[in-house]
Structure formats: structure tokens, C-alpha cells
Amino acid sequence: MAAGKGKQIYKVVVSLGATYAVSAVGAVASISAKSFYSDLNQPGWAPPAYVFGPVWTILYTMMAIATWLVWRRVKTGSVSKELTVYGAQLAVNGLWSWLFFKWNLGPAAFIDILLLLGLIVLNVFMYWRLNKWAGLLLLPYLAWVAFAAALCFAVWQLNPEELG
């Protein structure tokens, strides 16, 4: 009984740790994002820069919990295709901040976020199959990234010199 509880604690810590590590990687690329973002031409529906941090913190937490709920069902010592897709979408997620904020590559950032959307959709379906709560926990992430994709495209189009 204690060994099983220890494995669950390990899985929740690793799920949170891996997810927040990607958040940190993105944060490094976004150090000057607030000033860069505010200097760009934006559509009227763009949220203020201060909204992004709290929203992403909540989303990353929900993603980690969803992943833990799925990982609980995976046999010890194996990595499921669900967790592999999650790892891939985390990598694509972390890359976006670098593409957009650090390297100012609007077209590449837009392609990246479209790939991210596809991976999230796949993750939602895969997680849902194993644990409905896990699938549901990813839905706000999917909605936010869909909104972010539209925003990314709009900002890129409004700032072709800065994000060419």
C-alpha cells in the first residue's frame, strides 16, 4: 500500500515538474515579452499583457493534473502513447515563446501554434479515453491555445516588419 502511494506521489511530482519546467523555458524566452508585446500593433480584442501569466499558470496546473490522472493508469515502467504525445505538445508549447518573443518569427510561431493545437486535440481524445476528467481538464487549454493562435496570426499580420 505504501509503495503504491509513493508511486502516485512520484507521478504527480514528475507531472507538475515537467509541465512547470516547460513553463520556465517559455518564461526565459519571454523575459522582455511584456514590453515587446505592448509595442506591437494589436487587434482590439487582444488581452492586456498581465492576463497571460495567471492564465498560463492555471492552464499548466490543469495540464499536469490531467497528465497525472492518465499516468496513474499506465503500467509501471512503461510510457504510453498518451504521455508521448503530451511530451511532444509540451516541447511545441515551449518552443512557441522562443519563436515569437525571442526570435520574432511570426510565420514560424504561427505554424508552431497550429501544430500545438493539433497535438492538444489529439491529447484531449487520448486522455478522454482513459479518464474523462483528464480530457475535460485539457479543454480550457485547447480553447486558450485556439484563441492564442488567432491572436498570433492577427499580431503577425499587423506587424510584418517586427515579426517577419
C-alpha atoms as a PDB file:
ATOM      1  CA  MET A   1       0.000   0.000   0.000  1.00  0.00           C
ATOM      2  CA  ALA A   2       2.766   2.472   0.874  1.00  0.00           C
ATOM      3  CA  ALA A   3       4.679   1.619  -2.320  1.00  0.00           C
ATOM      4  CA  GLY A   4       1.579   2.392  -4.421  1.00  0.00           C
ATOM      5  CA  LYS A   5       1.103   5.720  -2.682  1.00  0.00           C
ATOM      6  CA  GLY A   6       4.774   6.532  -3.208  1.00  0.00           C
ATOM      7  CA  LYS A   7       4.429   5.847  -6.946  1.00  0.00           C
ATOM      8  CA  GLN A   8       1.432   8.172  -7.146  1.00  0.00           C
ATOM      9  CA  ILE A   9       3.300  10.933  -5.327  1.00  0.00           C
ATOM     10  CA  TYR A  10       6.237  10.416  -7.696  1.00  0.00           C
ATOM     11  CA  LYS A  11       3.921  10.635 -10.731  1.00  0.00           C
ATOM     12  CA  VAL A  12       2.191  13.817  -9.575  1.00  0.00           C
ATOM     13  CA  VAL A  13       5.543  15.462  -8.768  1.00  0.00           C
ATOM     14  CA  VAL A  14       7.004  14.495 -12.161  1.00  0.00           C
ATOM     15  CA  SER A  15       3.836  15.629 -13.978  1.00  0.00           C
ATOM     16  CA  LEU A  16       3.942  19.011 -12.242  1.00  0.00           C
ATOM     17  CA  GLY A  17       7.719  19.284 -12.572  1.00  0.00           C
ATOM     18  CA  ALA A  18       7.845  18.526 -16.302  1.00  0.00           C
ATOM     19  CA  THR A  19       4.958  20.848 -17.052  1.00  0.00           C
ATOM     20  CA  TYR A  20       6.339  23.720 -14.973  1.00  0.00           C
ATOM     21  CA  ALA A  21       9.800  23.152 -16.477  1.00  0.00           C
ATOM     22  CA  VAL A  22       8.328  23.895 -19.908  1.00  0.00           C
ATOM     23  CA  SER A  23       6.674  26.949 -18.409  1.00  0.00           C
ATOM     24  CA  ALA A  24      10.086  28.083 -17.157  1.00  0.00           C
ATOM     25  CA  VAL A  25      11.683  27.512 -20.575  1.00  0.00           C
ATOM     26  CA  GLY A  26       8.995  29.685 -22.133  1.00  0.00           C
ATOM     27  CA  ALA A  27       9.411  32.292 -19.406  1.00  0.00           C
ATOM     28  CA  VAL A  28      13.122  32.613 -20.177  1.00  0.00           C
ATOM     29  CA  ALA A  29      12.252  33.487 -23.781  1.00  0.00           C
ATOM     30  CA  SER A  30       9.525  35.848 -22.569  1.00  0.00           C
ATOM     31  CA  ILE A  31      11.607  37.980 -20.198  1.00  0.00           C
ATOM     32  CA  SER A  32      11.039  41.089 -22.321  1.00  0.00           C
ATOM     33  CA  ALA A  33       7.681  39.918 -23.681  1.00  0.00           C
ATOM     34  CA  LYS A  34       5.612  42.495 -21.811  1.00  0.00           C
ATOM     35  CA  SER A  35       7.361  45.474 -23.394  1.00  0.00           C
ATOM     36  CA  PHE A  36       7.712  43.746 -26.788  1.00  0.00           C
ATOM     37  CA  TYR A  37       4.030  42.765 -26.793  1.00  0.00           C
ATOM     38  CA  SER A  38       2.846  46.256 -25.790  1.00  0.00           C
ATOM     39  CA  ASP A  39       4.947  47.851 -28.566  1.00  0.00           C
ATOM     40  CA  LEU A  40       3.259  45.726 -31.257  1.00  0.00           C
ATOM     41  CA  ASN A  41       0.137  46.709 -33.152  1.00  0.00           C
ATOM     42  CA  GLN A  42      -2.653  44.545 -31.766  1.00  0.00           C
ATOM     43  CA  PRO A  43      -6.239  43.797 -32.641  1.00  0.00           C
ATOM     44  CA  GLY A  44      -8.846  45.457 -30.433  1.00  0.00           C
ATOM     45  CA  TRP A  45      -9.714  42.096 -28.864  1.00  0.00           C
ATOM     46  CA  ALA A  46      -6.151  41.393 -27.648  1.00  0.00           C
ATOM     47  CA  PRO A  47      -5.957  40.969 -23.867  1.00  0.00           C
ATOM     48  CA  PRO A  48      -3.527  43.072 -21.841  1.00  0.00           C
ATOM     49  CA  ALA A  49      -0.111  41.509 -21.205  1.00  0.00           C
ATOM     50  CA  TYR A  50      -0.790  40.968 -17.474  1.00  0.00           C
ATOM     51  CA  VAL A  51      -3.528  38.411 -18.280  1.00  0.00           C
ATOM     52  CA  PHE A  52      -1.178  35.835 -19.794  1.00  0.00           C
ATOM     53  CA  GLY A  53       0.831  34.877 -16.688  1.00  0.00           C
ATOM     54  CA  PRO A  54      -2.116  33.950 -14.447  1.00  0.00           C
ATOM     55  CA  VAL A  55      -3.971  32.187 -17.271  1.00  0.00           C
ATOM     56  CA  TRP A  56      -0.930  30.092 -18.193  1.00  0.00           C
ATOM     57  CA  THR A  57      -0.247  29.231 -14.553  1.00  0.00           C
ATOM     58  CA  ILE A  58      -3.768  27.841 -14.188  1.00  0.00           C
ATOM     59  CA  LEU A  59      -3.590  26.016 -17.521  1.00  0.00           C
ATOM     60  CA  TYR A  60      -0.205  24.430 -16.782  1.00  0.00           C
ATOM     61  CA  THR A  61      -1.530  23.211 -13.437  1.00  0.00           C
ATOM     62  CA  MET A  62      -4.619  21.700 -15.074  1.00  0.00           C
ATOM     63  CA  MET A  63      -2.443  20.053 -17.747  1.00  0.00           C
ATOM     64  CA  ALA A  64      -0.200  18.498 -15.098  1.00  0.00           C
ATOM     65  CA  ILE A  65      -3.163  17.175 -13.120  1.00  0.00           C
ATOM     66  CA  ALA A  66      -4.696  15.717 -16.292  1.00  0.00           C
ATOM     67  CA  THR A  67      -1.413  14.030 -17.107  1.00  0.00           C
ATOM     68  CA  TRP A  68      -1.147  12.585 -13.622  1.00  0.00           C
ATOM     69  CA  LEU A  69      -4.700  11.200 -13.923  1.00  0.00           C
ATOM     70  CA  VAL A  70      -3.705   9.445 -17.153  1.00  0.00           C
ATOM     71  CA  TRP A  71      -0.284   8.328 -15.906  1.00  0.00           C
ATOM     72  CA  ARG A  72      -1.947   6.644 -12.932  1.00  0.00           C
ATOM     73  CA  ARG A  73      -3.439   4.171 -15.426  1.00  0.00           C
ATOM     74  CA  VAL A  74      -0.135   3.424 -17.170  1.00  0.00           C
ATOM     75  CA  LYS A  75       1.697   0.266 -16.144  1.00  0.00           C
ATOM     76  CA  THR A  76       4.813   0.831 -14.075  1.00  0.00           C
ATOM     77  CA  GLY A  77       7.942   1.214 -16.160  1.00  0.00           C
ATOM     78  CA  SER A  78       6.143   1.975 -19.419  1.00  0.00           C
ATOM     79  CA  VAL A  79       5.477   5.205 -21.244  1.00  0.00           C
ATOM     80  CA  SER A  80       2.150   5.319 -23.016  1.00  0.00           C
ATOM     81  CA  LYS A  81       1.446   6.925 -26.354  1.00  0.00           C
ATOM     82  CA  GLU A  82      -0.705   9.441 -24.435  1.00  0.00           C
ATOM     83  CA  LEU A  83       2.294  10.584 -22.402  1.00  0.00           C
ATOM     84  CA  THR A  84       4.476  10.652 -25.519  1.00  0.00           C
ATOM     85  CA  VAL A  85       2.005  12.970 -27.263  1.00  0.00           C
ATOM     86  CA  TYR A  86       1.845  15.086 -24.097  1.00  0.00           C
ATOM     87  CA  GLY A  87       5.635  15.386 -24.103  1.00  0.00           C
ATOM     88  CA  ALA A  88       5.592  16.381 -27.773  1.00  0.00           C
ATOM     89  CA  GLN A  89       2.979  19.059 -27.218  1.00  0.00           C
ATOM     90  CA  LEU A  90       4.912  20.378 -24.213  1.00  0.00           C
ATOM     91  CA  ALA A  91       8.005  20.739 -26.415  1.00  0.00           C
ATOM     92  CA  VAL A  92       6.000  22.530 -29.124  1.00  0.00           C
ATOM     93  CA  ASN A  93       4.392  24.712 -26.456  1.00  0.00           C
ATOM     94  CA  GLY A  94       7.769  25.714 -25.007  1.00  0.00           C
ATOM     95  CA  LEU A  95       9.161  26.487 -28.466  1.00  0.00           C
ATOM     96  CA  TRP A  96       6.427  29.000 -29.277  1.00  0.00           C
ATOM     97  CA  SER A  97       7.674  31.651 -26.832  1.00  0.00           C
ATOM     98  CA  TRP A  98      11.134  31.423 -28.337  1.00  0.00           C
ATOM     99  CA  LEU A  99       9.824  31.705 -31.892  1.00  0.00           C
ATOM    100  CA  PHE A 100       7.568  34.654 -31.163  1.00  0.00           C
ATOM    101  CA  PHE A 101       9.139  36.662 -28.346  1.00  0.00           C
ATOM    102  CA  LYS A 102      12.844  35.893 -28.573  1.00  0.00           C
ATOM    103  CA  TRP A 103      13.412  35.314 -32.281  1.00  0.00           C
ATOM    104  CA  ASN A 104      10.451  37.407 -33.584  1.00  0.00           C
ATOM    105  CA  LEU A 105       9.492  34.791 -36.173  1.00  0.00           C
ATOM    106  CA  GLY A 106       5.768  35.347 -36.709  1.00  0.00           C
ATOM    107  CA  PRO A 107       5.243  32.771 -39.501  1.00  0.00           C
ATOM    108  CA  ALA A 108       7.171  30.061 -37.620  1.00  0.00           C
ATOM    109  CA  ALA A 109       5.333  30.886 -34.379  1.00  0.00           C
ATOM    110  CA  PHE A 110       2.010  30.585 -36.188  1.00  0.00           C
ATOM    111  CA  ILE A 111       2.935  27.214 -37.703  1.00  0.00           C
ATOM    112  CA  ASP A 112       4.134  26.079 -34.268  1.00  0.00           C
ATOM    113  CA  ILE A 113       0.871  27.052 -32.583  1.00  0.00           C
ATOM    114  CA  LEU A 114      -1.162  25.259 -35.267  1.00  0.00           C
ATOM    115  CA  LEU A 115       0.899  22.125 -34.634  1.00  0.00           C
ATOM    116  CA  LEU A 116       0.334  22.645 -30.906  1.00  0.00           C
ATOM    117  CA  LEU A 117      -3.432  22.844 -31.474  1.00  0.00           C
ATOM    118  CA  GLY A 118      -3.394  19.554 -33.348  1.00  0.00           C
ATOM    119  CA  LEU A 119      -1.388  17.857 -30.610  1.00  0.00           C
ATOM    120  CA  ILE A 120      -3.723  19.200 -27.911  1.00  0.00           C
ATOM    121  CA  VAL A 121      -6.781  17.903 -29.792  1.00  0.00           C
ATOM    122  CA  LEU A 122      -5.095  14.516 -30.060  1.00  0.00           C
ATOM    123  CA  ASN A 123      -4.199  14.631 -26.350  1.00  0.00           C
ATOM    124  CA  VAL A 124      -7.777  15.526 -25.376  1.00  0.00           C
ATOM    125  CA  PHE A 125      -9.144  12.494 -27.231  1.00  0.00           C
ATOM    126  CA  MET A 126      -6.426  10.176 -25.908  1.00  0.00           C
ATOM    127  CA  TYR A 127      -6.801  11.386 -22.318  1.00  0.00           C
ATOM    128  CA  TRP A 128     -10.606  11.262 -22.501  1.00  0.00           C
ATOM    129  CA  ARG A 129     -10.446   7.581 -23.447  1.00  0.00           C
ATOM    130  CA  LEU A 130      -8.522   6.751 -20.277  1.00  0.00           C
ATOM    131  CA  ASN A 131     -10.007   9.281 -17.861  1.00  0.00           C
ATOM    132  CA  LYS A 132     -12.845  11.678 -18.707  1.00  0.00           C
ATOM    133  CA  TRP A 133     -11.689  14.193 -16.080  1.00  0.00           C
ATOM    134  CA  ALA A 134      -8.250  14.284 -17.681  1.00  0.00           C
ATOM    135  CA  GLY A 135      -9.804  15.048 -21.061  1.00  0.00           C
ATOM    136  CA  LEU A 136     -12.025  17.729 -19.555  1.00  0.00           C
ATOM    137  CA  LEU A 137      -9.073  19.353 -17.785  1.00  0.00           C
ATOM    138  CA  LEU A 138      -7.392  19.909 -21.166  1.00  0.00           C
ATOM    139  CA  LEU A 139     -10.394  21.671 -22.736  1.00  0.00           C
ATOM    140  CA  PRO A 140      -9.616  25.147 -21.311  1.00  0.00           C
ATOM    141  CA  TYR A 141      -6.045  24.720 -22.594  1.00  0.00           C
ATOM    142  CA  LEU A 142      -7.397  23.844 -26.037  1.00  0.00           C
ATOM    143  CA  ALA A 143      -9.717  26.865 -26.008  1.00  0.00           C
ATOM    144  CA  TRP A 144      -6.958  29.243 -24.861  1.00  0.00           C
ATOM    145  CA  VAL A 145      -4.482  27.982 -27.464  1.00  0.00           C
ATOM    146  CA  ALA A 146      -7.138  28.309 -30.194  1.00  0.00           C
ATOM    147  CA  PHE A 147      -7.640  31.921 -29.077  1.00  0.00           C
ATOM    148  CA  ALA A 148      -3.856  32.397 -28.899  1.00  0.00           C
ATOM    149  CA  ALA A 149      -3.490  31.039 -32.446  1.00  0.00           C
ATOM    150  CA  ALA A 150      -5.956  33.627 -33.750  1.00  0.00           C
ATOM    151  CA  LEU A 151      -4.132  36.320 -31.763  1.00  0.00           C
ATOM    152  CA  CYS A 152      -0.730  35.148 -33.008  1.00  0.00           C
ATOM    153  CA  PHE A 153      -1.920  35.343 -36.605  1.00  0.00           C
ATOM    154  CA  ALA A 154      -3.526  38.760 -36.133  1.00  0.00           C
ATOM    155  CA  VAL A 155      -0.482  40.254 -34.391  1.00  0.00           C
ATOM    156  CA  TRP A 156       1.857  38.812 -37.007  1.00  0.00           C
ATOM    157  CA  GLN A 157      -0.285  40.279 -39.804  1.00  0.00           C
ATOM    158  CA  LEU A 158      -0.413  43.674 -38.092  1.00  0.00           C
ATOM    159  CA  ASN A 159       3.386  43.694 -37.562  1.00  0.00           C
ATOM    160  CA  PRO A 160       5.044  42.206 -40.647  1.00  0.00           C
ATOM    161  CA  GLU A 161       8.319  44.137 -40.146  1.00  0.00           C
ATOM    162  CA  GLU A 162       8.736  43.178 -36.488  1.00  0.00           C
ATOM    163  CA  LEU A 163       7.549  39.581 -36.922  1.00  0.00           C
ATOM    164  CA  GLY A 164       8.652  38.804 -40.476  1.00  0.00           C
END
